[in-house]
Amino acid sequence: MSNSKENSSSDHLPADGSGSLPPGGAGDIDPAIEFAPDTSHPAGAATVLRTTAAIRERAAALLARARRGESQWFRVAGSDVLEDAARTVAEVTRERYPWDTIPYHSRWRHFEAGGVDRLKQLDELLGKGVDARQRASAHIDLVLVSVLLDAGAGPGWHYTEPATGERYTRSEGLAVASFHAFTSGLFSSNPDHPLQVDAAGLRGLVTDRLGDAFQVSDVNPLVGLAGRAVLLRRLGEAMSEQPETFGDEGRPAGMFDALVAPFGAAAPPTAEITAHQILSLLLETLSRIWPSANAIDSIALDGSDTTGGIGSSDPALALGDCWRHSAVRGPGLTNGWMPFHKLSQWLTYSLLEPFERAGVKVRHLDALTALPEYRNGGLLIDSGVIVPKDPAFLSRTWKAGDEFIVEWRALTVALLDELAPRVRKILDRTDEELPLACVLEGGTWAAGRVLAQRLRDGSPPLLIESDGTVF
């Protein structure tokens, strides 16, 4: 394929579900023909940057550039080193899941920490009188706030579960803490219905109350606590402003009806949606909650504005986890932007199970990308696939918008797309048997943690300043 064709492909939304198809309309039309966003205008540019096709295309271009020796930050090792990394991932996968079924990489795995079936606990609290949709609503409410609270906890924090006395750290600790905060009614404004998340409950969330729920103290500090509380309050505001999606109460669970019952809650479910439709709805409705001022508008045309500088006043143009990189090329106002949408994709992976448990088939899982964060990206550094050109880069502290971090994350996305088929080949699995969501779970995230534990007592290979909303 020629470069001109590659560059023009991001003008269109692909037909695999990674575009803004209407709910229930997956496969009915080819959006590449039906809908071509005008990237010379901010809204069209934002639409393109909210597709995983744009993420993959730009990440692959940065990887090709690094392999040509043109990156100032990294060099990329040869295929033999990538093959070694695939063997490491396959070994970890066999150790973690010696049986046939490997589940999705999702927040629900963290709710299982310590071998406790907390999903069963939640269902018991909900009682037998709720139907599948009501049960899915509670699951969606829980997982959305839990994922938004899932940025890195830092090395000094832990959570001790009152009922079991077990001590959890990092992602598992955040999951267990958020589970108990949810079941205690912390995120609900209705004392008669504590097992829900609603806009009023989030808008009134006080940072100290969130800290108490997470057992934060001077001797048990949680990185980015204030940023996490702000994020949840912004979520409350965003949901209250969009009753057409989140209902009059402003509940995350409103997404279920928005996606599977497009003609109203009383209509029968469409029963089939795509993974990217979940992601698109999240990005269209929640991009405004992210604290970073990254937004598309006319001042960005020449790429001269700085990350986090001047944000747009229009929440529809907020980009969230999308950052500047001087070597990224794209049409119109998308030029220079490298999107990731890591937490939104992590949330999408985590919503697959609530939808499927409610009887909805979710297709095109591999439209989602690998998650570019500490564990997946750390795996590639620690296994020698991604090599910083200056070892000193590993000892300085970076910000999320620094080009070094943006490129590392982009390389992670592109390289894990190359790693996944190698892992499948070693494990003798097909794409259908082991989609990317299962490779990550098996998988790359766990292998990244294993190597970090072996090399640095669990700490990631890079130091990134965190506000609790990206890392």
Protein backbone atom coordinates (compact mmCIF):
# COMPACT_ATOMS: atom_id res chain seq x y z
CA MET A 1 0.00 0.00 0.00
CA SER A 2 1.38 3.41 -0.88
CA ASN A 3 2.03 6.09 1.71
CA SER A 4 -0.62 8.32 0.18
CA LYS A 5 -3.25 5.65 0.66
CA GLU A 6 -2.09 5.01 4.20
CA ASN A 7 -2.26 8.69 5.06
CA SER A 8 -5.72 9.07 3.61
CA SER A 9 -7.14 6.06 5.41
CA SER A 10 -7.57 7.96 8.67
CA ASP A 11 -9.98 10.29 6.87
CA HIS A 12 -12.49 7.46 6.99
CA LEU A 13 -13.91 5.32 9.75
CA PRO A 14 -13.22 1.63 9.10
CA ALA A 15 -15.95 -0.90 8.57
CA ASP A 16 -14.81 -3.24 11.35
CA GLY A 17 -16.80 -1.39 13.98
CA SER A 18 -14.09 1.13 14.87
CA GLY A 19 -16.19 4.13 13.96
CA SER A 20 -19.35 5.97 14.91
CA LEU A 21 -21.91 3.57 13.58
CA PRO A 22 -25.33 3.94 15.19
CA PRO A 23 -26.18 1.34 17.86
CA GLY A 24 -27.56 -1.73 16.21
CA GLY A 25 -26.16 -0.71 12.84
CA ALA A 26 -22.94 -2.70 12.84
CA GLY A 27 -22.25 -4.01 9.37
CA ASP A 28 -25.28 -2.36 7.77
CA ILE A 29 -23.23 0.24 5.89
CA ASP A 30 -19.62 0.82 5.05
CA PRO A 31 -18.79 3.95 7.06
CA ALA A 32 -15.71 4.54 4.90
CA ILE A 33 -18.16 5.35 2.13
CA GLU A 34 -21.02 6.73 4.18
CA PHE A 35 -19.14 8.97 6.60
CA ALA A 36 -15.83 10.74 6.01
CA PRO A 37 -15.09 13.25 8.79
CA ASP A 38 -13.84 16.64 7.63
CA THR A 39 -10.52 16.89 9.46
CA SER A 40 -10.15 20.56 8.54
CA HIS A 41 -12.85 21.23 11.14
CA PRO A 42 -12.39 20.52 14.86
CA ALA A 43 -15.35 18.14 15.24
CA GLY A 44 -14.24 15.98 12.33
CA ALA A 45 -10.65 15.91 13.58
CA ALA A 46 -11.79 14.87 17.06
CA THR A 47 -13.90 12.08 15.53
CA VAL A 48 -10.88 10.64 13.70
CA LEU A 49 -8.66 10.87 16.78
CA ARG A 50 -11.24 8.87 18.74
CA THR A 51 -10.83 5.80 16.53
CA THR A 52 -8.51 2.91 17.23
CA ALA A 53 -7.69 2.92 13.51
CA ALA A 54 -5.97 6.29 14.04
CA ILE A 55 -4.14 4.95 17.11
CA ARG A 56 -2.82 1.93 15.22
CA GLU A 57 -1.90 3.79 12.05
CA ARG A 58 0.09 6.47 13.88
CA ALA A 59 1.72 4.02 16.29
CA ALA A 60 2.82 1.83 13.36
CA ALA A 61 4.31 4.87 11.63
CA LEU A 62 6.35 5.79 14.72
CA LEU A 63 7.53 2.17 15.01
CA ALA A 64 8.64 2.12 11.36
CA ARG A 65 10.44 5.41 11.93
CA ALA A 66 12.26 4.06 15.00
CA ARG A 67 13.30 0.95 13.06
CA ARG A 68 14.80 3.21 10.41
CA GLY A 69 16.96 4.77 13.13
CA GLU A 70 15.17 8.13 12.95
CA SER A 71 13.93 8.29 16.55
CA GLN A 72 15.86 10.51 18.93
CA TRP A 73 14.55 8.51 21.87
CA PHE A 74 14.58 4.78 21.13
CA ARG A 75 15.94 1.99 19.05
CA VAL A 76 13.96 -1.19 18.46
CA ALA A 77 15.59 -4.60 18.73
CA GLY A 78 15.33 -7.29 16.04
CA SER A 79 12.72 -9.98 15.62
CA ASP A 80 14.70 -12.50 17.67
CA VAL A 81 14.34 -10.32 20.79
CA LEU A 82 10.62 -9.89 20.10
CA GLU A 83 10.37 -13.67 19.77
CA ASP A 84 12.06 -14.07 23.17
CA ALA A 85 9.54 -11.66 24.66
CA ALA A 86 6.71 -13.71 23.12
CA ARG A 87 8.12 -16.85 24.75
CA THR A 88 8.20 -15.07 28.10
CA VAL A 89 4.56 -14.04 27.70
CA ALA A 90 3.57 -17.57 26.65
CA GLU A 91 5.31 -19.06 29.70
CA VAL A 92 3.56 -16.66 32.07
CA THR A 93 0.25 -17.39 30.34
CA ARG A 94 0.69 -21.15 30.83
CA GLU A 95 1.55 -20.63 34.50
CA ARG A 96 -1.45 -18.39 35.14
CA TYR A 97 -3.99 -20.30 33.05
CA PRO A 98 -2.97 -23.94 32.70
CA TRP A 99 -6.53 -24.78 31.65
CA ASP A 100 -7.95 -23.95 28.24
CA THR A 101 -9.99 -20.82 28.93
CA ILE A 102 -8.19 -17.49 29.27
CA PRO A 103 -10.54 -14.67 30.29
CA TYR A 104 -10.53 -11.11 29.03
CA HIS A 105 -8.07 -8.59 30.44
CA SER A 106 -10.45 -6.51 32.52
CA ARG A 107 -11.16 -4.98 35.89
CA TRP A 108 -13.13 -8.08 36.83
CA ARG A 109 -9.88 -10.05 37.20
CA HIS A 110 -8.76 -7.60 39.90
CA PHE A 111 -12.08 -8.02 41.70
CA GLU A 112 -11.09 -11.70 42.03
CA ALA A 113 -7.94 -10.83 44.03
CA GLY A 114 -7.16 -13.28 46.79
CA GLY A 115 -9.38 -15.90 45.19
CA VAL A 116 -12.54 -14.11 46.43
CA ASP A 117 -15.59 -14.15 44.13
CA ARG A 118 -16.68 -10.56 44.64
CA LEU A 119 -19.02 -10.68 41.64
CA LYS A 120 -20.97 -13.35 43.50
CA GLN A 121 -20.93 -11.15 46.61
CA LEU A 122 -22.35 -8.24 44.63
CA ASP A 123 -25.05 -10.38 43.04
CA GLU A 124 -26.05 -11.65 46.50
CA LEU A 125 -26.32 -8.05 47.72
CA LEU A 126 -28.49 -7.19 44.71
CA GLY A 127 -30.82 -10.04 45.63
CA LYS A 128 -32.94 -12.40 43.55
CA GLY A 129 -35.57 -9.85 42.58
CA VAL A 130 -33.48 -8.05 39.96
CA ASP A 131 -33.57 -8.87 36.25
CA ALA A 132 -30.60 -9.23 33.89
CA ARG A 133 -30.70 -5.57 32.86
CA GLN A 134 -30.77 -4.32 36.46
CA ARG A 135 -27.91 -6.64 37.33
CA ALA A 136 -25.94 -5.39 34.34
CA SER A 137 -26.64 -1.81 35.45
CA ALA A 138 -25.02 -2.39 38.83
CA HIS A 139 -22.04 -4.15 37.21
CA ILE A 140 -21.56 -1.27 34.75
CA ASP A 141 -21.81 1.36 37.50
CA LEU A 142 -19.23 -0.45 39.62
CA VAL A 143 -16.71 -1.13 36.88
CA LEU A 144 -16.81 2.40 35.47
CA VAL A 145 -15.88 4.14 38.71
CA SER A 146 -13.39 1.42 39.57
CA VAL A 147 -11.55 1.80 36.26
CA LEU A 148 -11.46 5.58 36.59
CA LEU A 149 -9.80 5.07 39.98
CA ASP A 150 -7.26 2.64 38.52
CA ALA A 151 -4.30 4.86 37.66
CA GLY A 152 -1.08 3.76 39.42
CA ALA A 153 -1.39 3.74 43.20
CA GLY A 154 2.31 4.26 43.88
CA PRO A 155 4.62 1.95 45.85
CA GLY A 156 3.67 3.16 49.33
CA TRP A 157 -0.07 2.44 49.36
CA HIS A 158 -2.02 -0.65 50.39
CA TYR A 159 -5.58 -1.60 51.28
CA THR A 160 -6.51 -4.06 54.00
CA GLU A 161 -9.85 -5.74 53.32
CA PRO A 162 -11.88 -5.60 56.56
CA ALA A 163 -13.74 -8.89 56.09
CA THR A 164 -10.69 -11.00 55.24
CA GLY A 165 -7.78 -9.09 56.74
CA GLU A 166 -5.95 -9.57 53.45
CA ARG A 167 -3.63 -6.77 52.32
CA TYR A 168 -3.67 -5.71 48.67
CA THR A 169 -1.55 -3.22 46.74
CA ARG A 170 -1.49 -1.56 43.31
CA SER A 171 -4.28 -2.45 40.86
CA GLU A 172 -5.75 -5.24 42.98
CA GLY A 173 -5.82 -2.98 46.02
CA LEU A 174 -7.53 -0.21 44.10
CA ALA A 175 -10.08 -2.70 42.74
CA VAL A 176 -10.91 -4.19 46.13
CA ALA A 177 -11.07 -0.76 47.78
CA SER A 178 -13.37 0.60 45.06
CA PHE A 179 -15.56 -2.51 45.29
CA HIS A 180 -16.17 -1.93 48.99
CA ALA A 181 -16.63 1.82 48.47
CA PHE A 182 -19.31 0.99 45.90
CA THR A 183 -21.11 -1.57 48.06
CA SER A 184 -21.09 0.89 50.98
CA GLY A 185 -23.02 3.40 48.86
CA LEU A 186 -20.21 5.98 48.60
CA PHE A 187 -21.06 6.84 44.98
CA SER A 188 -24.87 6.87 45.34
CA SER A 189 -26.99 9.83 46.43
CA ASN A 190 -29.91 7.53 47.28
CA PRO A 191 -29.58 5.73 50.63
CA ASP A 192 -32.40 3.40 49.58
CA HIS A 193 -30.35 2.31 46.56
CA PRO A 194 -26.69 2.20 47.64
CA LEU A 195 -25.59 -0.24 44.90
CA GLN A 196 -25.46 2.35 42.16
CA VAL A 197 -23.42 5.27 40.90
CA ASP A 198 -25.27 8.48 40.10
CA ALA A 199 -24.41 12.03 39.12
CA ALA A 200 -25.49 13.62 42.38
CA GLY A 201 -23.49 11.14 44.42
CA LEU A 202 -20.33 11.84 42.41
CA ARG A 203 -20.75 15.61 42.27
CA GLY A 204 -20.91 15.66 46.07
CA LEU A 205 -17.91 13.36 46.57
CA VAL A 206 -15.45 14.91 49.01
CA THR A 207 -11.78 14.00 48.55
CA ASP A 208 -11.40 13.14 52.24
CA ARG A 209 -14.29 10.65 52.07
CA LEU A 210 -12.69 8.97 49.07
CA GLY A 211 -9.39 8.92 50.97
CA ASP A 212 -11.08 7.32 53.99
CA ALA A 213 -12.63 4.63 51.79
CA PHE A 214 -9.16 3.88 50.40
CA GLN A 215 -7.56 3.96 53.87
CA VAL A 216 -5.28 6.84 52.87
CA SER A 217 -3.14 8.42 55.60
CA ASP A 218 0.23 10.07 56.06
CA VAL A 219 1.79 6.63 56.37
CA ASN A 220 -0.36 5.10 53.61
CA PRO A 221 -0.26 7.67 50.77
CA LEU A 222 -2.13 7.15 47.50
CA VAL A 223 -0.65 8.87 44.45
CA GLY A 224 -3.05 11.35 42.84
CA LEU A 225 -5.90 11.07 45.37
CA ALA A 226 -7.11 14.62 44.67
CA GLY A 227 -6.94 14.03 40.91
CA ARG A 228 -9.03 10.87 41.24
CA ALA A 229 -11.69 12.70 43.25
CA VAL A 230 -11.79 15.52 40.69
CA LEU A 231 -12.18 12.96 37.90
CA LEU A 232 -15.19 11.37 39.61
CA ARG A 233 -16.78 14.77 40.26
CA ARG A 234 -16.28 15.65 36.60
CA LEU A 235 -17.88 12.33 35.67
CA GLY A 236 -20.89 13.32 37.77
CA GLU A 237 -21.14 16.67 35.99
CA ALA A 238 -20.79 15.07 32.55
CA MET A 239 -23.51 12.50 33.23
CA SER A 240 -25.92 15.12 34.60
CA GLU A 241 -25.42 17.17 31.43
CA GLN A 242 -26.24 14.21 29.14
CA PRO A 243 -29.54 12.65 30.27
CA GLU A 244 -30.09 11.33 26.74
CA THR A 245 -27.30 8.83 27.43
CA PHE A 246 -27.13 8.51 31.21
CA GLY A 247 -30.79 8.97 32.13
CA ASP A 248 -32.38 11.41 34.57
CA GLU A 249 -30.37 10.05 37.50
CA GLY A 250 -27.12 10.27 35.57
CA ARG A 251 -25.95 6.67 35.90
CA PRO A 252 -23.11 5.04 33.93
CA ALA A 253 -25.51 2.15 33.34
CA GLY A 254 -27.43 4.42 30.96
CA MET A 255 -24.87 3.38 28.36
CA PHE A 256 -26.42 -0.08 28.26
CA ASP A 257 -29.78 1.21 27.04
CA ALA A 258 -28.10 3.76 24.77
CA LEU A 259 -26.24 0.96 22.99
CA VAL A 260 -28.56 -2.04 23.01
CA ALA A 261 -31.96 -0.38 23.03
CA PRO A 262 -31.52 2.59 20.67
CA PHE A 263 -35.25 3.18 20.39
CA GLY A 264 -35.83 3.38 24.15
CA ALA A 265 -35.43 1.27 27.24
CA ALA A 266 -38.62 -0.68 26.53
CA ALA A 267 -37.45 -1.84 23.11
CA PRO A 268 -35.96 -5.33 22.83
CA PRO A 269 -32.17 -5.38 22.89
CA THR A 270 -30.40 -5.43 19.56
CA ALA A 271 -28.32 -8.23 21.09
CA GLU A 272 -25.27 -7.41 18.98
CA ILE A 273 -22.89 -4.46 19.17
CA THR A 274 -19.20 -3.90 18.49
CA ALA A 275 -16.46 -3.24 21.02
CA HIS A 276 -15.66 0.03 19.31
CA GLN A 277 -19.25 1.21 19.67
CA ILE A 278 -18.77 0.96 23.44
CA LEU A 279 -15.49 2.86 23.16
CA SER A 280 -16.96 5.50 20.85
CA LEU A 281 -19.82 6.19 23.24
CA LEU A 282 -17.38 6.53 26.14
CA LEU A 283 -15.15 8.91 24.19
CA GLU A 284 -18.02 11.01 22.86
CA THR A 285 -19.70 11.41 26.25
CA LEU A 286 -16.81 11.37 28.73
CA SER A 287 -13.81 12.98 27.00
CA ARG A 288 -14.72 16.20 28.81
CA ILE A 289 -13.88 14.71 32.24
CA TRP A 290 -10.12 14.43 31.70
CA PRO A 291 -8.08 17.17 33.42
CA SER A 292 -5.56 17.54 30.58
CA ALA A 293 -6.31 20.54 28.39
CA ASN A 294 -5.70 18.59 25.18
CA ALA A 295 -8.34 19.73 22.72
CA ILE A 296 -8.75 20.22 19.01
CA ASP A 297 -9.46 23.73 17.87
CA SER A 298 -8.19 26.22 15.32
CA ILE A 299 -5.11 27.27 17.30
CA ALA A 300 -3.70 23.78 16.87
CA LEU A 301 -3.53 23.95 13.09
CA ASP A 302 0.24 24.42 12.93
CA GLY A 303 0.95 22.32 16.01
CA SER A 304 2.62 25.26 17.74
CA ASP A 305 0.57 25.16 20.90
CA THR A 306 1.94 23.23 23.85
CA THR A 307 0.40 20.21 25.52
CA GLY A 308 -1.91 21.25 28.31
CA GLY A 309 -1.76 24.85 27.18
CA ILE A 310 -4.99 26.29 25.85
CA GLY A 311 -7.99 24.02 26.07
CA SER A 312 -11.15 24.36 24.04
CA SER A 313 -14.28 25.60 25.76
CA ASP A 314 -16.31 23.03 23.83
CA PRO A 315 -16.33 19.68 25.68
CA ALA A 316 -17.10 17.90 22.41
CA LEU A 317 -13.58 18.77 21.25
CA ALA A 318 -11.73 17.51 24.34
CA LEU A 319 -9.27 14.75 23.43
CA GLY A 320 -8.23 13.37 26.82
CA ASP A 321 -5.44 10.79 26.46
CA CYS A 322 -4.13 12.18 23.17
CA TRP A 323 -0.75 13.92 22.99
CA ARG A 324 1.58 15.85 20.73
CA HIS A 325 4.45 14.18 18.87
CA SER A 326 6.49 16.12 16.34
CA ALA A 327 6.84 13.17 13.93
CA VAL A 328 3.17 12.13 13.79
CA ARG A 329 1.49 12.97 10.51
CA GLY A 330 -2.19 13.09 9.72
CA PRO A 331 -4.78 15.04 7.76
CA GLY A 332 -5.97 18.49 8.75
CA LEU A 333 -6.20 19.30 12.43
CA THR A 334 -5.23 15.74 13.39
CA ASN A 335 -1.63 16.43 12.34
CA GLY A 336 0.81 16.02 15.21
CA TRP A 337 -1.59 14.22 17.56
CA MET A 338 -0.96 10.70 18.89
CA PRO A 339 -4.13 9.26 20.52
CA PHE A 340 -4.19 6.39 23.06
CA HIS A 341 -7.40 6.56 25.15
CA LYS A 342 -5.89 4.03 27.55
CA LEU A 343 -8.32 4.29 30.46
CA SER A 344 -11.29 4.46 28.08
CA GLN A 345 -10.12 1.28 26.33
CA TRP A 346 -9.42 -0.40 29.69
CA LEU A 347 -13.00 0.49 30.60
CA THR A 348 -14.24 -0.91 27.28
CA TYR A 349 -12.43 -4.21 27.91
CA SER A 350 -13.98 -4.22 31.40
CA LEU A 351 -17.49 -3.61 30.05
CA LEU A 352 -17.41 -6.61 27.71
CA GLU A 353 -18.42 -9.01 30.48
CA PRO A 354 -21.39 -7.02 31.88
CA PHE A 355 -22.80 -6.73 28.37
CA GLU A 356 -22.19 -10.39 27.57
CA ARG A 357 -23.62 -11.56 30.90
CA ALA A 358 -26.79 -9.64 29.98
CA GLY A 359 -27.05 -11.58 26.71
CA VAL A 360 -25.52 -8.99 24.36
CA LYS A 361 -23.00 -10.26 21.82
CA VAL A 362 -19.99 -7.94 21.50
CA ARG A 363 -18.12 -8.33 18.19
CA HIS A 364 -14.79 -7.08 16.76
CA LEU A 365 -12.87 -7.23 20.05
CA ASP A 366 -9.56 -6.85 18.23
CA ALA A 367 -10.58 -3.39 17.05
CA LEU A 368 -9.37 -2.34 20.51
CA THR A 369 -5.62 -1.86 20.97
CA ALA A 370 -3.16 -2.99 23.60
CA LEU A 371 -3.12 -0.72 26.63
CA PRO A 372 0.00 1.48 26.65
CA GLU A 373 0.83 1.67 30.36
CA TYR A 374 3.50 0.63 32.86
CA ARG A 375 3.14 -3.15 32.62
CA ASN A 376 2.72 -3.66 28.88
CA GLY A 377 5.22 -0.95 28.00
CA GLY A 378 7.51 -2.04 30.82
CA LEU A 379 7.57 -5.58 29.44
CA LEU A 380 8.99 -4.29 26.17
CA ILE A 381 11.70 -2.23 27.88
CA ASP A 382 12.64 -4.92 30.39
CA SER A 383 12.81 -7.61 27.69
CA GLY A 384 15.04 -5.41 25.53
CA VAL A 385 12.60 -4.91 22.67
CA ILE A 386 12.44 -1.13 23.21
CA VAL A 387 15.82 0.35 24.10
CA PRO A 388 16.19 4.01 25.22
CA LYS A 389 19.05 5.60 23.30
CA ASP A 390 20.36 7.20 26.50
CA PRO A 391 20.29 5.07 29.68
CA ALA A 392 19.83 8.29 31.65
CA PHE A 393 16.30 8.47 30.22
CA LEU A 394 15.36 5.68 32.64
CA SER A 395 16.39 7.66 35.72
CA ARG A 396 14.71 11.01 35.09
CA THR A 397 11.09 11.88 35.84
CA TRP A 398 8.81 12.47 32.86
CA LYS A 399 5.37 13.93 32.32
CA ALA A 400 2.62 12.16 30.37
CA GLY A 401 2.86 14.70 27.53
CA ASP A 402 6.64 14.47 27.07
CA GLU A 403 7.52 13.18 23.62
CA PHE A 404 9.68 10.40 25.10
CA ILE A 405 6.64 9.00 26.94
CA VAL A 406 4.29 9.53 23.99
CA GLU A 407 6.63 7.60 21.70
CA TRP A 408 7.21 4.80 24.22
CA ARG A 409 3.45 4.31 24.47
CA ALA A 410 3.01 4.37 20.69
CA LEU A 411 5.76 1.79 20.23
CA THR A 412 4.05 -0.35 22.88
CA VAL A 413 0.76 -0.36 20.94
CA ALA A 414 2.41 -1.25 17.64
CA LEU A 415 4.80 -3.86 19.02
CA LEU A 416 2.13 -5.69 21.00
CA ASP A 417 0.17 -6.03 17.75
CA GLU A 418 3.26 -7.84 16.42
CA LEU A 419 3.79 -9.80 19.63
CA ALA A 420 0.23 -11.18 19.87
CA PRO A 421 0.39 -13.51 16.81
CA ARG A 422 3.76 -14.82 18.02
CA VAL A 423 2.23 -15.69 21.39
CA ARG A 424 -0.70 -17.41 19.67
CA LYS A 425 1.68 -19.48 17.57
CA ILE A 426 3.65 -20.65 20.62
CA LEU A 427 0.44 -21.52 22.47
CA ASP A 428 -1.13 -23.05 19.33
CA ARG A 429 -4.20 -20.83 19.51
CA THR A 430 -6.19 -19.10 16.77
CA ASP A 431 -7.16 -15.43 16.69
CA GLU A 432 -10.68 -16.43 17.75
CA GLU A 433 -9.43 -18.57 20.63
CA LEU A 434 -6.99 -15.95 21.87
CA PRO A 435 -8.05 -12.41 20.92
CA LEU A 436 -5.86 -9.53 21.98
CA ALA A 437 -8.02 -9.05 25.09
CA CYS A 438 -6.91 -12.52 26.24
CA VAL A 439 -3.27 -12.11 25.18
CA LEU A 440 -3.13 -9.05 27.43
CA GLU A 441 -4.61 -11.00 30.33
CA GLY A 442 -2.59 -14.14 29.84
CA GLY A 443 -0.27 -12.43 29.13
CA THR A 444 1.63 -9.28 28.50
CA TRP A 445 0.40 -7.33 31.53
CA ALA A 446 1.33 -10.12 33.94
CA ALA A 447 4.70 -10.72 32.26
CA GLY A 448 5.46 -7.01 32.61
CA ARG A 449 4.73 -7.23 36.31
CA VAL A 450 6.87 -10.39 36.70
CA LEU A 451 9.88 -8.74 35.06
CA ALA A 452 9.42 -5.55 37.09
CA GLN A 453 9.31 -7.61 40.29
CA ARG A 454 12.43 -9.49 39.31
CA LEU A 455 14.40 -6.39 38.30
CA ARG A 456 13.16 -3.59 40.58
CA ASP A 457 10.97 -5.06 43.31
CA GLY A 458 7.87 -4.29 41.22
CA SER A 459 8.59 -0.70 40.26
CA PRO A 460 8.13 0.21 36.57
CA PRO A 461 11.20 0.94 34.42
CA LEU A 462 10.19 4.57 33.82
CA LEU A 463 9.41 7.38 36.24
CA ILE A 464 6.30 9.33 35.27
CA GLU A 465 4.72 12.19 37.20
CA SER A 466 1.17 11.04 37.85
CA ASP A 467 -1.99 12.98 38.69
CA GLY A 468 -3.93 9.75 39.04
CA THR A 469 -5.73 10.05 35.70
CA VAL A 470 -3.39 8.62 33.04
CA PHE A 471 -0.85 6.34 34.77
